[in-house]
């Protein structure tokens, strides 16, 4: 199996685990970014930059870790695109 395919399959397993575990995770990690590796939380932090440092300090590759935000509140997104980059 190719390395890329293996990464996609592991991401799929992590994603499925995250969805199935969300209710339990939100009780412990509400308002945090969590790093998931092989269906386990390996690090967490409110600050994604600090979480990145923790992941790297554990010797893990960012390619093999899935990062998600956990929150009891639904997230709202505002999408913004700077059209001036296209036209001017």
Protein backbone atom coordinates (compact mmCIF):
# COMPACT_ATOMS: atom_id res chain seq x y z
CA UNK A 1 0.00 0.00 0.00
CA UNK A 2 1.31 3.45 -0.84
CA UNK A 3 2.29 5.83 1.95
CA UNK A 4 -0.27 8.40 0.76
CA UNK A 5 -3.09 5.85 0.77
CA UNK A 6 -2.06 4.73 4.26
CA UNK A 7 -2.21 8.37 5.46
CA UNK A 8 -5.71 8.80 4.01
CA UNK A 9 -6.92 5.59 5.62
CA UNK A 10 -5.49 6.58 9.01
CA UNK A 11 -7.10 10.01 8.70
CA UNK A 12 -10.43 8.30 7.96
CA UNK A 13 -10.09 6.10 11.07
CA UNK A 14 -9.18 9.14 13.20
CA UNK A 15 -12.11 11.11 11.80
CA UNK A 16 -14.57 8.30 12.48
CA UNK A 17 -13.19 7.87 16.02
CA UNK A 18 -13.48 11.63 16.65
CA UNK A 19 -17.13 11.68 15.56
CA UNK A 20 -18.01 8.59 17.60
CA UNK A 21 -16.20 9.92 20.70
CA UNK A 22 -17.33 13.55 20.47
CA UNK A 23 -19.77 13.54 23.40
CA UNK A 24 -17.11 12.12 25.72
CA UNK A 25 -14.40 14.41 24.32
CA UNK A 26 -16.45 17.60 24.67
CA UNK A 27 -16.83 16.97 28.41
CA UNK A 28 -13.06 16.90 28.85
CA UNK A 29 -11.71 19.15 26.07
CA UNK A 30 -14.41 21.82 25.56
CA UNK A 31 -12.83 24.91 23.98
CA UNK A 32 -9.62 23.09 23.08
CA UNK A 33 -7.85 21.99 19.95
CA UNK A 34 -7.03 18.29 20.16
CA UNK A 35 -4.39 16.29 18.32
CA UNK A 36 -5.50 12.79 17.33
CA UNK A 37 -3.02 10.08 16.43
CA UNK A 38 -4.03 6.45 15.95
CA UNK A 39 -7.45 7.11 17.50
CA UNK A 40 -6.04 8.69 20.67
CA UNK A 41 -5.75 12.25 21.95
CA UNK A 42 -2.00 12.80 22.11
CA UNK A 43 -2.03 16.52 22.97
CA UNK A 44 -4.45 19.40 23.49
CA UNK A 45 -4.34 23.17 23.96
CA UNK A 46 -6.46 26.29 23.53
CA UNK A 47 -3.77 27.74 21.28
CA UNK A 48 -3.16 25.90 17.98
CA UNK A 49 0.45 27.16 17.84
CA UNK A 50 1.19 25.68 21.24
CA UNK A 51 -0.54 22.46 20.20
CA UNK A 52 1.75 22.26 17.18
CA UNK A 53 4.77 22.59 19.48
CA UNK A 54 3.43 19.79 21.70
CA UNK A 55 2.89 17.50 18.71
CA UNK A 56 6.42 18.08 17.44
CA UNK A 57 7.88 17.66 20.95
CA UNK A 58 6.37 14.17 21.02
CA UNK A 59 8.28 13.37 17.84
CA UNK A 60 5.14 13.07 15.75
CA UNK A 61 4.84 14.21 12.16
CA UNK A 62 2.15 16.80 11.43
CA UNK A 63 1.24 14.63 8.44
CA UNK A 64 0.12 11.80 10.72
CA UNK A 65 -1.84 13.83 13.29
CA UNK A 66 -5.37 15.12 12.86
CA UNK A 67 -6.23 18.36 14.67
CA UNK A 68 -9.82 19.21 15.55
CA UNK A 69 -11.54 21.86 17.67
CA UNK A 70 -13.88 20.58 20.39
CA UNK A 71 -16.74 22.77 21.56
CA UNK A 72 -20.15 22.44 23.20
CA UNK A 73 -21.22 25.48 21.17
CA UNK A 74 -21.75 25.19 17.42
CA UNK A 75 -19.04 26.96 15.43
CA UNK A 76 -19.86 29.85 13.15
CA UNK A 77 -17.68 30.64 10.18
CA UNK A 78 -17.41 33.85 8.23
CA UNK A 79 -15.86 33.29 4.84
CA UNK A 80 -14.01 36.22 3.38
CA UNK A 81 -12.27 36.51 0.07
CA UNK A 82 -10.28 39.55 -1.00
CA UNK A 83 -11.45 40.08 -4.59
CA UNK A 84 -9.01 42.94 -5.08
CA UNK A 85 -6.34 40.28 -5.47
CA UNK A 86 -8.14 39.14 -8.62
CA UNK A 87 -8.90 42.52 -10.12
CA UNK A 88 -6.32 44.88 -9.00
